[in-house]
Amino acid sequence: MAAELSVRISAFVEALPLKPGLRVLEIGCGPGVAARAVARRIDRGFILAIDRSEKAIRLARSGSADEMALGRLDFRHVAIEDFALRSGDALFDIAFAMRVGALDGRHPEAGREALTRIKAALKPHGRLFIDGGDPLKEIDLVRGLPS
């Protein structure tokens, strides 16, 4: 059974500038709760959700059969610092992360590598959102993460 959407995650997803047809990258998806909510909001769009935890990816996949069957959602077991598009992958419009150490200042070196990987996966005017705002904040991909 899929986990319920918490108030915090719901507010974050609602604040994202989502619209039908977007390609979205979620970093640190955990059990996939936010990814499923985003998949429902982007209609014929697509979300790829990644996590460094193999267990989290197993849980996310097991709770997302419907969205995956529609081709709107997929999961990949990889840390953002090691993430790279695969041959044939299209660039993403938006990336987002909630409670990811590489992006919230807890691990500055990993954060620099993560931003390099995210920029490479986004379209030229792609946008990155993280938690810590009200309810989210956008990271300026030119300036990078606050130190």
C-alpha atoms as a PDB file:
ATOM      1  CA  MET A   1       0.000   0.000   0.000  1.00  0.00           C
ATOM      2  CA  ALA A   2       1.319   3.451  -0.915  1.00  0.00           C
ATOM      3  CA  ALA A   3       2.192   5.834   1.895  1.00  0.00           C
ATOM      4  CA  GLU A   4      -0.053   8.827   2.560  1.00  0.00           C
ATOM      5  CA  LEU A   5       1.008  12.283   1.446  1.00  0.00           C
ATOM      6  CA  SER A   6       2.070  14.311   4.502  1.00  0.00           C
ATOM      7  CA  VAL A   7       1.094  17.959   4.872  1.00  0.00           C
ATOM      8  CA  ARG A   8       4.757  18.959   4.372  1.00  0.00           C
ATOM      9  CA  ILE A   9       5.177  16.957   1.153  1.00  0.00           C
ATOM     10  CA  SER A  10       1.774  18.024  -0.136  1.00  0.00           C
ATOM     11  CA  ALA A  11       2.612  21.723   0.387  1.00  0.00           C
ATOM     12  CA  PHE A  12       5.986  21.271  -1.329  1.00  0.00           C
ATOM     13  CA  VAL A  13       4.495  19.500  -4.374  1.00  0.00           C
ATOM     14  CA  GLU A  14       1.666  22.054  -4.641  1.00  0.00           C
ATOM     15  CA  ALA A  15       4.242  24.889  -4.670  1.00  0.00           C
ATOM     16  CA  LEU A  16       6.278  23.376  -7.523  1.00  0.00           C
ATOM     17  CA  PRO A  17       5.609  25.048 -10.905  1.00  0.00           C
ATOM     18  CA  LEU A  18       4.225  21.861 -12.422  1.00  0.00           C
ATOM     19  CA  LYS A  19       2.199  21.640 -15.603  1.00  0.00           C
ATOM     20  CA  PRO A  20       1.225  18.856 -17.987  1.00  0.00           C
ATOM     21  CA  GLY A  21       4.004  17.496 -20.157  1.00  0.00           C
ATOM     22  CA  LEU A  22       6.978  18.487 -17.985  1.00  0.00           C
ATOM     23  CA  ARG A  23       9.958  16.215 -17.401  1.00  0.00           C
ATOM     24  CA  VAL A  24      10.821  16.208 -13.691  1.00  0.00           C
ATOM     25  CA  LEU A  25      13.762  14.764 -11.736  1.00  0.00           C
ATOM     26  CA  GLU A  26      13.284  14.023  -8.040  1.00  0.00           C
ATOM     27  CA  ILE A  27      16.473  13.657  -6.029  1.00  0.00           C
ATOM     28  CA  GLY A  28      16.249  11.514  -2.900  1.00  0.00           C
ATOM     29  CA  CYS A  29      12.786  10.097  -3.484  1.00  0.00           C
ATOM     30  CA  GLY A  30      12.614   7.745  -0.504  1.00  0.00           C
ATOM     31  CA  PRO A  31       9.492   5.552  -0.823  1.00  0.00           C
ATOM     32  CA  GLY A  32       8.170   7.597  -3.775  1.00  0.00           C
ATOM     33  CA  VAL A  33       5.328   9.509  -2.129  1.00  0.00           C
ATOM     34  CA  ALA A  34       6.186  12.881  -3.690  1.00  0.00           C
ATOM     35  CA  ALA A  35       7.052  11.272  -7.040  1.00  0.00           C
ATOM     36  CA  ARG A  36       3.574   9.742  -7.294  1.00  0.00           C
ATOM     37  CA  ALA A  37       1.958  13.077  -6.414  1.00  0.00           C
ATOM     38  CA  VAL A  38       4.018  14.837  -9.103  1.00  0.00           C
ATOM     39  CA  ALA A  39       3.202  12.125 -11.669  1.00  0.00           C
ATOM     40  CA  ARG A  40      -0.501  12.794 -11.100  1.00  0.00           C
ATOM     41  CA  ARG A  41      -0.007  16.549 -11.701  1.00  0.00           C
ATOM     42  CA  ILE A  42       2.058  16.432 -14.891  1.00  0.00           C
ATOM     43  CA  ASP A  43      -0.446  14.375 -16.892  1.00  0.00           C
ATOM     44  CA  ARG A  44       1.449  13.127 -19.955  1.00  0.00           C
ATOM     45  CA  GLY A  45       4.764  14.314 -18.522  1.00  0.00           C
ATOM     46  CA  PHE A  46       7.394  12.101 -16.905  1.00  0.00           C
ATOM     47  CA  ILE A  47       9.176  11.966 -13.567  1.00  0.00           C
ATOM     48  CA  LEU A  48      12.381  10.093 -12.838  1.00  0.00           C
ATOM     49  CA  ALA A  49      12.936   9.676  -9.109  1.00  0.00           C
ATOM     50  CA  ILE A  50      16.342   8.657  -7.787  1.00  0.00           C
ATOM     51  CA  ASP A  51      17.632   7.609  -4.386  1.00  0.00           C
ATOM     52  CA  ARG A  52      20.946   6.310  -3.039  1.00  0.00           C
ATOM     53  CA  SER A  53      19.075   3.679  -0.988  1.00  0.00           C
ATOM     54  CA  GLU A  54      18.273   0.414  -2.739  1.00  0.00           C
ATOM     55  CA  LYS A  55      15.590  -0.303  -0.130  1.00  0.00           C
ATOM     56  CA  ALA A  56      13.906   3.066  -0.794  1.00  0.00           C
ATOM     57  CA  ILE A  57      13.836   2.352  -4.533  1.00  0.00           C
ATOM     58  CA  ARG A  58      12.297  -1.097  -3.906  1.00  0.00           C
ATOM     59  CA  LEU A  59       9.584   0.480  -1.736  1.00  0.00           C
ATOM     60  CA  ALA A  60       8.977   3.252  -4.280  1.00  0.00           C
ATOM     61  CA  ARG A  61       8.606   0.788  -7.150  1.00  0.00           C
ATOM     62  CA  SER A  62       6.283  -1.483  -5.185  1.00  0.00           C
ATOM     63  CA  GLY A  63       3.937   1.423  -4.425  1.00  0.00           C
ATOM     64  CA  SER A  64       3.983   2.950  -7.914  1.00  0.00           C
ATOM     65  CA  ALA A  65       2.867   0.201 -10.281  1.00  0.00           C
ATOM     66  CA  ASP A  66      -0.007   2.236 -11.777  1.00  0.00           C
ATOM     67  CA  GLU A  67       2.087   5.326 -12.559  1.00  0.00           C
ATOM     68  CA  MET A  68       4.949   3.201 -13.902  1.00  0.00           C
ATOM     69  CA  ALA A  69       2.569   1.212 -16.136  1.00  0.00           C
ATOM     70  CA  LEU A  70       1.353   4.503 -17.647  1.00  0.00           C
ATOM     71  CA  GLY A  71       4.957   5.473 -18.441  1.00  0.00           C
ATOM     72  CA  ARG A  72       4.750   8.598 -16.265  1.00  0.00           C
ATOM     73  CA  LEU A  73       7.171   7.524 -13.547  1.00  0.00           C
ATOM     74  CA  ASP A  74      10.364   5.539 -13.173  1.00  0.00           C
ATOM     75  CA  PHE A  75      12.922   5.050 -10.420  1.00  0.00           C
ATOM     76  CA  ARG A  76      16.683   4.672 -10.484  1.00  0.00           C
ATOM     77  CA  HIS A  77      19.000   3.538  -7.687  1.00  0.00           C
ATOM     78  CA  VAL A  78      21.795   6.124  -7.764  1.00  0.00           C
ATOM     79  CA  ALA A  79      23.160   8.944  -5.596  1.00  0.00           C
ATOM     80  CA  ILE A  80      22.862  12.404  -7.123  1.00  0.00           C
ATOM     81  CA  GLU A  81      26.658  12.784  -6.990  1.00  0.00           C
ATOM     82  CA  ASP A  82      26.886   9.798  -9.385  1.00  0.00           C
ATOM     83  CA  PHE A  83      23.811  10.510 -11.509  1.00  0.00           C
ATOM     84  CA  ALA A  84      24.134  10.802 -15.281  1.00  0.00           C
ATOM     85  CA  LEU A  85      21.600  10.713 -18.067  1.00  0.00           C
ATOM     86  CA  ARG A  86      21.524   7.462 -19.982  1.00  0.00           C
ATOM     87  CA  SER A  87      21.719   7.290 -23.744  1.00  0.00           C
ATOM     88  CA  GLY A  88      18.348   8.366 -25.089  1.00  0.00           C
ATOM     89  CA  ASP A  89      17.293  10.198 -21.893  1.00  0.00           C
ATOM     90  CA  ALA A  90      15.854  13.650 -22.563  1.00  0.00           C
ATOM     91  CA  LEU A  91      16.799  16.629 -20.399  1.00  0.00           C
ATOM     92  CA  PHE A  92      14.558  17.625 -17.487  1.00  0.00           C
ATOM     93  CA  ASP A  93      12.578  20.844 -17.010  1.00  0.00           C
ATOM     94  CA  ILE A  94      12.603  20.783 -13.213  1.00  0.00           C
ATOM     95  CA  ALA A  95      14.550  19.004 -10.484  1.00  0.00           C
ATOM     96  CA  PHE A  96      13.585  18.953  -6.822  1.00  0.00           C
ATOM     97  CA  ALA A  97      14.832  17.520  -3.556  1.00  0.00           C
ATOM     98  CA  MET A  98      13.560  17.364  -0.002  1.00  0.00           C
ATOM     99  CA  ARG A  99      15.905  16.618   2.901  1.00  0.00           C
ATOM    100  CA  VAL A 100      18.912  15.721   0.750  1.00  0.00           C
ATOM    101  CA  GLY A 101      22.226  16.234   2.562  1.00  0.00           C
ATOM    102  CA  ALA A 102      24.150  17.098  -0.613  1.00  0.00           C
ATOM    103  CA  LEU A 103      21.782  20.015  -1.285  1.00  0.00           C
ATOM    104  CA  ASP A 104      20.984  21.396   2.155  1.00  0.00           C
ATOM    105  CA  GLY A 105      24.512  22.369   3.170  1.00  0.00           C
ATOM    106  CA  ARG A 106      25.318  19.321   5.300  1.00  0.00           C
ATOM    107  CA  HIS A 107      27.846  17.988   2.748  1.00  0.00           C
ATOM    108  CA  PRO A 108      29.377  20.899   0.766  1.00  0.00           C
ATOM    109  CA  GLU A 109      31.742  18.811  -1.396  1.00  0.00           C
ATOM    110  CA  ALA A 110      28.942  16.411  -2.359  1.00  0.00           C
ATOM    111  CA  GLY A 111      26.772  19.482  -2.979  1.00  0.00           C
ATOM    112  CA  ARG A 112      29.173  20.868  -5.564  1.00  0.00           C
ATOM    113  CA  GLU A 113      29.253  17.544  -7.411  1.00  0.00           C
ATOM    114  CA  ALA A 114      25.470  17.207  -7.128  1.00  0.00           C
ATOM    115  CA  LEU A 115      24.941  20.640  -8.703  1.00  0.00           C
ATOM    116  CA  THR A 116      27.241  19.723 -11.596  1.00  0.00           C
ATOM    117  CA  ARG A 117      25.209  16.549 -12.174  1.00  0.00           C
ATOM    118  CA  ILE A 118      21.872  18.370 -11.882  1.00  0.00           C
ATOM    119  CA  LYS A 119      22.901  21.117 -14.328  1.00  0.00           C
ATOM    120  CA  ALA A 120      23.949  18.446 -16.840  1.00  0.00           C
ATOM    121  CA  ALA A 121      20.514  16.773 -16.557  1.00  0.00           C
ATOM    122  CA  LEU A 122      18.437  19.956 -16.909  1.00  0.00           C
ATOM    123  CA  LYS A 123      17.398  21.894 -19.982  1.00  0.00           C
ATOM    124  CA  PRO A 124      19.216  25.270 -20.346  1.00  0.00           C
ATOM    125  CA  HIS A 125      16.496  27.112 -18.406  1.00  0.00           C
ATOM    126  CA  GLY A 126      15.767  24.189 -16.072  1.00  0.00           C
ATOM    127  CA  ARG A 127      15.034  24.938 -12.435  1.00  0.00           C
ATOM    128  CA  LEU A 128      16.054  23.323  -9.125  1.00  0.00           C
ATOM    129  CA  PHE A 129      13.902  23.493  -5.991  1.00  0.00           C
ATOM    130  CA  ILE A 130      14.758  22.299  -2.482  1.00  0.00           C
ATOM    131  CA  ASP A 131      13.015  22.399   0.873  1.00  0.00           C
ATOM    132  CA  GLY A 132      13.877  24.956   3.503  1.00  0.00           C
ATOM    133  CA  GLY A 133      11.752  27.779   2.137  1.00  0.00           C
ATOM    134  CA  ASP A 134       8.074  28.344   2.698  1.00  0.00           C
ATOM    135  CA  PRO A 135       7.565  25.547   1.630  1.00  0.00           C
ATOM    136  CA  LEU A 136      10.372  25.488  -0.964  1.00  0.00           C
ATOM    137  CA  LYS A 137      13.169  27.607  -2.362  1.00  0.00           C
ATOM    138  CA  GLU A 138      14.747  27.775  -5.779  1.00  0.00           C
ATOM    139  CA  ILE A 139      18.488  27.321  -6.137  1.00  0.00           C
ATOM    140  CA  ASP A 140      20.208  29.704  -8.530  1.00  0.00           C
ATOM    141  CA  LEU A 141      22.091  27.254 -10.748  1.00  0.00           C
ATOM    142  CA  VAL A 142      24.548  29.949 -11.809  1.00  0.00           C
ATOM    143  CA  ARG A 143      25.565  30.911  -8.279  1.00  0.00           C
ATOM    144  CA  GLY A 144      25.133  27.460  -6.773  1.00  0.00           C
ATOM    145  CA  LEU A 145      24.281  26.470  -3.232  1.00  0.00           C
ATOM    146  CA  PRO A 146      24.610  28.975  -0.386  1.00  0.00           C
ATOM    147  CA  SER A 147      27.757  28.318   1.634  1.00  0.00           C
END
